[in-house]
Amino acid sequence: MKNLFLLFALFSMTSFFLSCDDDDDSEITTPDVIESYVMNNFSGYEIEDIDEETLCVGTAVYEVDIENEAEDDLELVFDMEGNFLFSETEIELSQLPEAVSNAISTEYPDHVLEEAEKRDLSNGDVQYKVELEGNIDLEVLFDSEGEVICEEEE
């Protein structure tokens, strides 16, 4: 009987620790205003995923991944009130503006450019987010003139 009790206690403790992980797998309910925005502005697209994130400038946002039947992926970013901020798409490294490429070469000479994304802001401005690999991997956000807006370690 004592062995049965010990086995039960061990099982209970193991179950408890396995259930306490750092991943937050809770579902985020898509706000109605965001669903309406996608429906009205991206006909044929469906919301695939939504996450709450914090931009490197400190703004809390919803990142919404949408996809159409052709499997064209797009990420839309909204503030916490549901106002559209920007869309983000992955681009070829060769599509970066010369000013951004030059800034990377000058400001981050010991890093290798791994990935680039283009942000089309709601006000018409364009920004570029790049992933740089080096001793410390970085994500850096540039304006279209090559000025650093913010950077953070990956």
N, C-alpha and C. Protein backbone atom coordinates (compact mmCIF):
# COMPACT_ATOMS: atom_id res chain seq x y z
N MET A 1 0.83 -1.19 0.00
CA MET A 1 0.00 0.00 0.00
C MET A 1 0.87 1.26 0.00
N LYS A 2 1.98 1.20 0.75
CA LYS A 2 2.87 2.33 0.83
C LYS A 2 3.46 2.63 -0.55
N ASN A 3 3.81 1.59 -1.31
CA ASN A 3 4.34 1.76 -2.66
C ASN A 3 3.30 2.39 -3.59
N LEU A 4 2.05 2.00 -3.44
CA LEU A 4 0.98 2.56 -4.25
C LEU A 4 0.81 4.04 -3.97
N PHE A 5 0.90 4.43 -2.68
CA PHE A 5 0.81 5.83 -2.30
C PHE A 5 1.97 6.62 -2.89
N LEU A 6 3.19 6.10 -2.80
CA LEU A 6 4.37 6.78 -3.36
C LEU A 6 4.25 6.93 -4.87
N LEU A 7 3.76 5.90 -5.54
CA LEU A 7 3.57 5.95 -6.99
C LEU A 7 2.55 7.02 -7.36
N PHE A 8 1.45 7.09 -6.62
CA PHE A 8 0.43 8.10 -6.86
C PHE A 8 0.98 9.51 -6.63
N ALA A 9 1.76 9.70 -5.55
CA ALA A 9 2.35 11.01 -5.25
C ALA A 9 3.32 11.42 -6.35
N LEU A 10 4.15 10.49 -6.81
CA LEU A 10 5.10 10.78 -7.88
C LEU A 10 4.36 11.16 -9.16
N PHE A 11 3.31 10.43 -9.50
CA PHE A 11 2.51 10.73 -10.69
C PHE A 11 1.87 12.11 -10.58
N SER A 12 1.34 12.44 -9.42
CA SER A 12 0.69 13.74 -9.22
C SER A 12 1.68 14.88 -9.37
N MET A 13 2.87 14.73 -8.77
CA MET A 13 3.88 15.78 -8.87
C MET A 13 4.35 15.95 -10.31
N THR A 14 4.56 14.84 -11.01
CA THR A 14 5.01 14.90 -12.41
C THR A 14 3.97 15.60 -13.26
N SER A 15 2.71 15.24 -13.07
CA SER A 15 1.63 15.88 -13.83
C SER A 15 1.59 17.37 -13.58
N PHE A 16 1.76 17.77 -12.32
CA PHE A 16 1.73 19.19 -11.97
C PHE A 16 2.84 19.94 -12.67
N PHE A 17 4.08 19.43 -12.60
CA PHE A 17 5.21 20.13 -13.20
C PHE A 17 5.13 20.15 -14.72
N LEU A 18 4.62 19.12 -15.34
CA LEU A 18 4.48 19.11 -16.79
C LEU A 18 3.43 20.09 -17.27
N SER A 19 2.44 20.34 -16.44
CA SER A 19 1.38 21.27 -16.84
C SER A 19 1.78 22.72 -16.64
N CYS A 20 2.89 22.99 -15.94
CA CYS A 20 3.33 24.35 -15.66
C CYS A 20 4.47 24.72 -16.60
N ASP A 21 4.15 25.02 -17.85
CA ASP A 21 5.20 25.47 -18.76
C ASP A 21 5.04 26.95 -19.03
N ASP A 22 6.03 27.52 -19.71
CA ASP A 22 6.03 28.96 -19.97
C ASP A 22 5.19 29.36 -21.17
N ASP A 23 4.77 28.39 -21.99
CA ASP A 23 4.01 28.72 -23.19
C ASP A 23 2.58 29.06 -22.82
N ASP A 24 2.11 30.18 -23.34
CA ASP A 24 0.73 30.58 -23.13
C ASP A 24 -0.05 30.20 -24.38
N ASP A 25 -0.70 29.04 -24.33
CA ASP A 25 -1.42 28.54 -25.48
C ASP A 25 -2.88 28.97 -25.48
N SER A 26 -3.23 29.95 -24.66
CA SER A 26 -4.61 30.37 -24.60
C SER A 26 -4.99 31.08 -25.90
N GLU A 27 -6.21 30.86 -26.30
CA GLU A 27 -6.73 31.46 -27.53
C GLU A 27 -7.10 32.92 -27.28
N ILE A 28 -6.76 33.76 -28.23
CA ILE A 28 -7.15 35.16 -28.17
C ILE A 28 -8.36 35.32 -29.07
N THR A 29 -9.41 35.86 -28.54
CA THR A 29 -10.61 36.12 -29.34
C THR A 29 -10.35 37.35 -30.20
N THR A 30 -10.57 37.20 -31.50
CA THR A 30 -10.37 38.32 -32.42
C THR A 30 -11.43 39.38 -32.18
N PRO A 31 -11.02 40.60 -31.86
CA PRO A 31 -12.00 41.68 -31.68
C PRO A 31 -12.84 41.89 -32.95
N ASP A 32 -14.11 42.21 -32.76
CA ASP A 32 -15.02 42.40 -33.89
C ASP A 32 -14.51 43.45 -34.87
N VAL A 33 -13.92 44.53 -34.37
CA VAL A 33 -13.45 45.60 -35.24
C VAL A 33 -12.36 45.09 -36.18
N ILE A 34 -11.53 44.17 -35.71
CA ILE A 34 -10.47 43.61 -36.56
C ILE A 34 -11.08 42.66 -37.59
N GLU A 35 -12.02 41.83 -37.16
CA GLU A 35 -12.70 40.95 -38.12
C GLU A 35 -13.37 41.77 -39.22
N SER A 36 -14.03 42.85 -38.86
CA SER A 36 -14.69 43.72 -39.84
C SER A 36 -13.67 44.34 -40.78
N TYR A 37 -12.54 44.79 -40.25
CA TYR A 37 -11.51 45.41 -41.08
C TYR A 37 -10.99 44.42 -42.12
N VAL A 38 -10.71 43.20 -41.69
CA VAL A 38 -10.21 42.18 -42.62
C VAL A 38 -11.27 41.89 -43.68
N MET A 39 -12.51 41.71 -43.26
CA MET A 39 -13.59 41.39 -44.19
C MET A 39 -13.79 42.51 -45.21
N ASN A 40 -13.70 43.76 -44.79
CA ASN A 40 -13.96 44.90 -45.68
C ASN A 40 -12.77 45.27 -46.56
N ASN A 41 -11.55 44.94 -46.13
CA ASN A 41 -10.36 45.39 -46.86
C ASN A 41 -9.55 44.27 -47.50
N PHE A 42 -9.81 43.04 -47.14
CA PHE A 42 -9.05 41.91 -47.66
C PHE A 42 -9.99 40.79 -48.04
N SER A 43 -10.82 41.07 -49.04
CA SER A 43 -11.80 40.10 -49.52
C SER A 43 -11.08 38.81 -49.93
N GLY A 44 -11.62 37.69 -49.52
CA GLY A 44 -11.03 36.40 -49.87
C GLY A 44 -9.99 35.91 -48.87
N TYR A 45 -9.64 36.74 -47.90
CA TYR A 45 -8.67 36.33 -46.88
C TYR A 45 -9.41 35.90 -45.62
N GLU A 46 -8.78 34.99 -44.89
CA GLU A 46 -9.31 34.55 -43.61
C GLU A 46 -8.24 34.74 -42.54
N ILE A 47 -8.70 35.00 -41.34
CA ILE A 47 -7.78 35.14 -40.21
C ILE A 47 -7.29 33.75 -39.81
N GLU A 48 -5.98 33.56 -39.85
CA GLU A 48 -5.37 32.29 -39.48
C GLU A 48 -4.92 32.25 -38.03
N ASP A 49 -4.41 33.40 -37.53
CA ASP A 49 -3.87 33.44 -36.19
C ASP A 49 -3.86 34.88 -35.69
N ILE A 50 -3.97 35.04 -34.39
CA ILE A 50 -3.86 36.37 -33.78
C ILE A 50 -3.08 36.24 -32.48
N ASP A 51 -2.14 37.14 -32.28
CA ASP A 51 -1.31 37.14 -31.08
C ASP A 51 -1.22 38.56 -30.54
N GLU A 52 -1.02 38.66 -29.24
CA GLU A 52 -0.72 39.95 -28.61
C GLU A 52 0.80 40.05 -28.51
N GLU A 53 1.36 41.15 -28.99
CA GLU A 53 2.81 41.37 -28.99
C GLU A 53 3.10 42.79 -28.54
N THR A 54 4.37 43.07 -28.31
CA THR A 54 4.82 44.42 -28.02
C THR A 54 5.88 44.79 -29.05
N LEU A 55 5.66 45.88 -29.76
CA LEU A 55 6.62 46.35 -30.74
C LEU A 55 7.87 46.87 -30.04
N CYS A 56 8.97 46.96 -30.79
CA CYS A 56 10.23 47.41 -30.17
C CYS A 56 10.14 48.85 -29.67
N VAL A 57 9.17 49.61 -30.15
CA VAL A 57 8.98 50.97 -29.65
C VAL A 57 8.09 51.00 -28.40
N GLY A 58 7.66 49.80 -27.94
CA GLY A 58 6.91 49.70 -26.69
C GLY A 58 5.41 49.64 -26.82
N THR A 59 4.87 49.66 -28.03
CA THR A 59 3.42 49.66 -28.24
C THR A 59 2.87 48.23 -28.21
N ALA A 60 1.85 48.00 -27.40
CA ALA A 60 1.17 46.71 -27.38
C ALA A 60 0.24 46.63 -28.60
N VAL A 61 0.28 45.49 -29.29
CA VAL A 61 -0.49 45.35 -30.53
C VAL A 61 -1.06 43.94 -30.67
N TYR A 62 -2.01 43.84 -31.60
CA TYR A 62 -2.46 42.54 -32.10
C TYR A 62 -1.75 42.30 -33.42
N GLU A 63 -1.09 41.15 -33.56
CA GLU A 63 -0.54 40.74 -34.84
C GLU A 63 -1.49 39.69 -35.40
N VAL A 64 -2.02 39.97 -36.59
CA VAL A 64 -3.03 39.11 -37.19
C VAL A 64 -2.49 38.54 -38.49
N ASP A 65 -2.39 37.22 -38.55
CA ASP A 65 -1.96 36.55 -39.78
C ASP A 65 -3.20 36.19 -40.58
N ILE A 66 -3.21 36.61 -41.86
CA ILE A 66 -4.33 36.28 -42.73
C ILE A 66 -3.79 35.55 -43.96
N GLU A 67 -4.67 34.76 -44.59
CA GLU A 67 -4.28 33.96 -45.74
C GLU A 67 -5.48 33.81 -46.66
N ASN A 68 -5.22 33.75 -47.98
CA ASN A 68 -6.29 33.51 -48.93
C ASN A 68 -6.16 32.09 -49.49
N GLU A 69 -7.05 31.72 -50.44
CA GLU A 69 -7.04 30.37 -51.00
C GLU A 69 -5.74 30.06 -51.73
N ALA A 70 -5.10 31.07 -52.29
CA ALA A 70 -3.82 30.88 -52.98
C ALA A 70 -2.66 30.77 -51.98
N GLU A 71 -3.00 30.78 -50.70
CA GLU A 71 -2.04 30.70 -49.60
C GLU A 71 -1.07 31.88 -49.57
N ASP A 72 -1.56 33.05 -50.01
CA ASP A 72 -0.79 34.28 -49.87
C ASP A 72 -0.92 34.73 -48.42
N ASP A 73 0.21 34.82 -47.74
CA ASP A 73 0.21 35.21 -46.33
C ASP A 73 0.48 36.69 -46.18
N LEU A 74 -0.16 37.28 -45.20
CA LEU A 74 0.03 38.69 -44.89
C LEU A 74 -0.15 38.85 -43.39
N GLU A 75 0.65 39.73 -42.81
CA GLU A 75 0.48 40.03 -41.40
C GLU A 75 -0.03 41.45 -41.27
N LEU A 76 -1.10 41.61 -40.52
CA LEU A 76 -1.68 42.92 -40.24
C LEU A 76 -1.47 43.21 -38.76
N VAL A 77 -1.17 44.46 -38.45
CA VAL A 77 -0.92 44.83 -37.06
C VAL A 77 -1.88 45.96 -36.67
N PHE A 78 -2.53 45.76 -35.52
CA PHE A 78 -3.53 46.69 -34.99
C PHE A 78 -3.15 47.09 -33.58
N ASP A 79 -3.52 48.31 -33.18
CA ASP A 79 -3.34 48.68 -31.78
C ASP A 79 -4.39 47.94 -30.95
N MET A 80 -4.34 48.07 -29.65
CA MET A 80 -5.22 47.31 -28.77
C MET A 80 -6.68 47.76 -28.84
N GLU A 81 -6.93 48.91 -29.49
CA GLU A 81 -8.31 49.35 -29.70
C GLU A 81 -8.85 48.85 -31.05
N GLY A 82 -7.98 48.18 -31.83
CA GLY A 82 -8.42 47.63 -33.11
C GLY A 82 -8.16 48.54 -34.29
N ASN A 83 -7.39 49.61 -34.12
CA ASN A 83 -7.05 50.50 -35.23
C ASN A 83 -5.89 49.92 -36.02
N PHE A 84 -6.05 49.87 -37.35
CA PHE A 84 -5.01 49.33 -38.22
C PHE A 84 -3.77 50.21 -38.17
N LEU A 85 -2.59 49.59 -37.94
CA LEU A 85 -1.33 50.33 -37.90
C LEU A 85 -0.50 50.10 -39.16
N PHE A 86 -0.30 48.83 -39.53
CA PHE A 86 0.49 48.52 -40.72
C PHE A 86 0.33 47.07 -41.13
N SER A 87 0.73 46.81 -42.39
CA SER A 87 0.84 45.43 -42.87
C SER A 87 2.32 45.12 -43.00
N GLU A 88 2.66 43.86 -42.89
CA GLU A 88 4.06 43.46 -42.94
C GLU A 88 4.19 42.25 -43.85
N THR A 89 5.11 42.35 -44.82
CA THR A 89 5.36 41.24 -45.73
C THR A 89 6.85 40.99 -45.83
N GLU A 90 7.20 39.73 -45.98
CA GLU A 90 8.61 39.36 -46.16
C GLU A 90 9.03 39.76 -47.57
N ILE A 91 10.25 40.30 -47.69
CA ILE A 91 10.77 40.70 -49.00
C ILE A 91 12.15 40.07 -49.21
N GLU A 92 12.57 40.04 -50.47
CA GLU A 92 13.92 39.59 -50.79
C GLU A 92 14.90 40.62 -50.26
N LEU A 93 16.06 40.17 -49.84
CA LEU A 93 17.08 41.09 -49.33
C LEU A 93 17.46 42.14 -50.37
N SER A 94 17.41 41.76 -51.64
CA SER A 94 17.75 42.69 -52.73
C SER A 94 16.72 43.80 -52.91
N GLN A 95 15.56 43.65 -52.27
CA GLN A 95 14.50 44.66 -52.38
C GLN A 95 14.63 45.77 -51.33
N LEU A 96 15.59 45.65 -50.44
CA LEU A 96 15.80 46.73 -49.47
C LEU A 96 16.29 47.98 -50.18
N PRO A 97 15.81 49.14 -49.77
CA PRO A 97 16.31 50.39 -50.36
C PRO A 97 17.82 50.53 -50.11
N GLU A 98 18.49 51.20 -51.01
CA GLU A 98 19.93 51.39 -50.89
C GLU A 98 20.29 52.05 -49.56
N ALA A 99 19.49 53.01 -49.12
CA ALA A 99 19.77 53.71 -47.86
C ALA A 99 19.77 52.74 -46.68
N VAL A 100 18.87 51.76 -46.67
CA VAL A 100 18.80 50.78 -45.59
C VAL A 100 19.99 49.83 -45.69
N SER A 101 20.29 49.36 -46.89
CA SER A 101 21.44 48.46 -47.08
C SER A 101 22.74 49.14 -46.65
N ASN A 102 22.89 50.40 -47.02
CA ASN A 102 24.10 51.14 -46.63
C ASN A 102 24.18 51.31 -45.11
N ALA A 103 23.06 51.59 -44.49
CA ALA A 103 23.04 51.76 -43.03
C ALA A 103 23.41 50.46 -42.33
N ILE A 104 22.95 49.34 -42.86
CA ILE A 104 23.30 48.04 -42.26
C ILE A 104 24.81 47.82 -42.37
N SER A 105 25.36 48.08 -43.55
CA SER A 105 26.81 47.90 -43.76
C SER A 105 27.62 48.80 -42.83
N THR A 106 27.16 50.04 -42.65
CA THR A 106 27.89 51.02 -41.84
C THR A 106 27.71 50.79 -40.33
N GLU A 107 26.47 50.60 -39.91
CA GLU A 107 26.16 50.52 -38.48
C GLU A 107 26.34 49.12 -37.88
N TYR A 108 26.26 48.09 -38.71
CA TYR A 108 26.33 46.72 -38.22
C TYR A 108 27.30 45.89 -39.07
N PRO A 109 28.56 46.32 -39.18
CA PRO A 109 29.50 45.66 -40.08
C PRO A 109 29.84 44.22 -39.68
N ASP A 110 29.65 43.85 -38.43
CA ASP A 110 29.97 42.50 -37.97
C ASP A 110 28.75 41.57 -37.98
N HIS A 111 27.68 42.02 -38.61
CA HIS A 111 26.46 41.22 -38.67
C HIS A 111 26.17 40.82 -40.13
N VAL A 112 25.43 39.72 -40.25
CA VAL A 112 25.01 39.23 -41.56
C VAL A 112 23.50 39.41 -41.67
N LEU A 113 23.06 39.99 -42.76
CA LEU A 113 21.63 40.21 -43.01
C LEU A 113 20.98 38.86 -43.35
N GLU A 114 20.01 38.46 -42.54
CA GLU A 114 19.36 37.16 -42.71
C GLU A 114 17.98 37.24 -43.34
N GLU A 115 17.21 38.25 -42.95
CA GLU A 115 15.81 38.32 -43.39
C GLU A 115 15.35 39.76 -43.37
N ALA A 116 14.41 40.10 -44.26
CA ALA A 116 13.89 41.47 -44.30
C ALA A 116 12.37 41.43 -44.48
N GLU A 117 11.71 42.39 -43.85
CA GLU A 117 10.27 42.57 -44.00
C GLU A 117 9.98 44.03 -44.25
N LYS A 118 8.97 44.25 -45.06
CA LYS A 118 8.54 45.61 -45.38
C LYS A 118 7.25 45.90 -44.63
N ARG A 119 7.20 47.06 -43.98
CA ARG A 119 6.00 47.51 -43.29
C ARG A 119 5.39 48.67 -44.06
N ASP A 120 4.15 48.50 -44.46
CA ASP A 120 3.39 49.58 -45.10
C ASP A 120 2.46 50.15 -44.04
N LEU A 121 2.81 51.34 -43.54
CA LEU A 121 2.05 51.96 -42.47
C LEU A 121 0.75 52.58 -42.99
N SER A 122 -0.21 52.73 -42.10
CA SER A 122 -1.51 53.28 -42.48
C SER A 122 -1.42 54.71 -42.98
N ASN A 123 -0.37 55.45 -42.60
CA ASN A 123 -0.22 56.84 -43.05
C ASN A 123 0.56 56.94 -44.36
N GLY A 124 0.92 55.79 -44.97
CA GLY A 124 1.63 55.79 -46.24
C GLY A 124 3.14 55.64 -46.11
N ASP A 125 3.68 55.79 -44.91
CA ASP A 125 5.12 55.62 -44.71
C ASP A 125 5.49 54.15 -44.86
N VAL A 126 6.77 53.90 -45.11
CA VAL A 126 7.29 52.55 -45.23
C VAL A 126 8.46 52.38 -44.27
N GLN A 127 8.50 51.24 -43.61
CA GLN A 127 9.60 50.89 -42.73
C GLN A 127 10.09 49.50 -43.11
N TYR A 128 11.31 49.20 -42.65
CA TYR A 128 11.91 47.90 -42.95
C TYR A 128 12.44 47.28 -41.67
N LYS A 129 12.01 46.06 -41.40
CA LYS A 129 12.50 45.32 -40.24
C LYS A 129 13.44 44.24 -40.75
N VAL A 130 14.66 44.19 -40.21
CA VAL A 130 15.63 43.21 -40.66
C VAL A 130 16.12 42.38 -39.48
N GLU A 131 16.48 41.15 -39.79
CA GLU A 131 17.11 40.28 -38.81
C GLU A 131 18.57 40.20 -39.16
N LEU A 132 19.42 40.49 -38.18
CA LEU A 132 20.86 40.49 -38.36
C LEU A 132 21.48 39.43 -37.44
N GLU A 133 22.32 38.60 -38.03
CA GLU A 133 22.98 37.56 -37.26
C GLU A 133 24.41 37.97 -36.97
N GLY A 134 24.83 37.81 -35.72
CA GLY A 134 26.18 38.14 -35.30
C GLY A 134 26.44 37.57 -33.93
N ASN A 135 27.43 38.11 -33.22
CA ASN A 135 27.67 37.66 -31.84
C ASN A 135 26.39 37.79 -31.03
N ILE A 136 25.69 38.87 -31.26
CA ILE A 136 24.36 39.08 -30.68
C ILE A 136 23.40 39.27 -31.85
N ASP A 137 22.42 38.37 -31.99
CA ASP A 137 21.44 38.50 -33.06
C ASP A 137 20.49 39.64 -32.75
N LEU A 138 20.18 40.43 -33.78
CA LEU A 138 19.37 41.62 -33.61
C LEU A 138 18.21 41.66 -34.59
N GLU A 139 17.13 42.31 -34.19
CA GLU A 139 16.08 42.79 -35.09
C GLU A 139 16.18 44.30 -35.07
N VAL A 140 16.30 44.89 -36.26
CA VAL A 140 16.45 46.34 -36.34
C VAL A 140 15.36 46.88 -37.25
N LEU A 141 14.73 47.96 -36.83
CA LEU A 141 13.69 48.62 -37.61
C LEU A 141 14.26 49.92 -38.16
N PHE A 142 14.16 50.09 -39.49
CA PHE A 142 14.64 51.29 -40.18
C PHE A 142 13.49 52.02 -40.84
N ASP A 143 13.63 53.35 -40.97
CA ASP A 143 12.72 54.08 -41.84
C ASP A 143 13.24 53.93 -43.27
N SER A 144 12.53 54.47 -44.24
CA SER A 144 12.93 54.29 -45.64
C SER A 144 14.20 55.04 -46.01
N GLU A 145 14.64 55.96 -45.13
CA GLU A 145 15.86 56.72 -45.37
C GLU A 145 17.09 56.06 -44.73
N GLY A 146 16.89 54.91 -44.09
CA GLY A 146 18.00 54.19 -43.48
C GLY A 146 18.29 54.59 -42.03
N GLU A 147 17.42 55.38 -41.42
CA GLU A 147 17.60 55.77 -40.03
C GLU A 147 17.04 54.67 -39.13
N VAL A 148 17.79 54.30 -38.09
CA VAL A 148 17.35 53.29 -37.14
C VAL A 148 16.22 53.86 -36.28
N ILE A 149 15.11 53.15 -36.23
CA ILE A 149 14.00 53.54 -35.37
C ILE A 149 14.15 52.86 -34.01
N CYS A 150 14.50 51.58 -34.02
CA CYS A 150 14.76 50.86 -32.80
C CYS A 150 15.43 49.53 -33.13
N GLU A 151 16.05 48.95 -32.12
CA GLU A 151 16.65 47.63 -32.29
C GLU A 151 16.46 46.85 -31.00
N GLU A 152 16.41 45.53 -31.15
CA GLU A 152 16.29 44.67 -29.98
C GLU A 152 16.97 43.35 -30.27
N GLU A 153 17.46 42.74 -29.20
CA GLU A 153 18.09 41.43 -29.31
C GLU A 153 17.02 40.40 -29.59
N GLU A 154 17.38 39.43 -30.42
CA GLU A 154 16.45 38.35 -30.71
C GLU A 154 16.54 37.27 -29.67
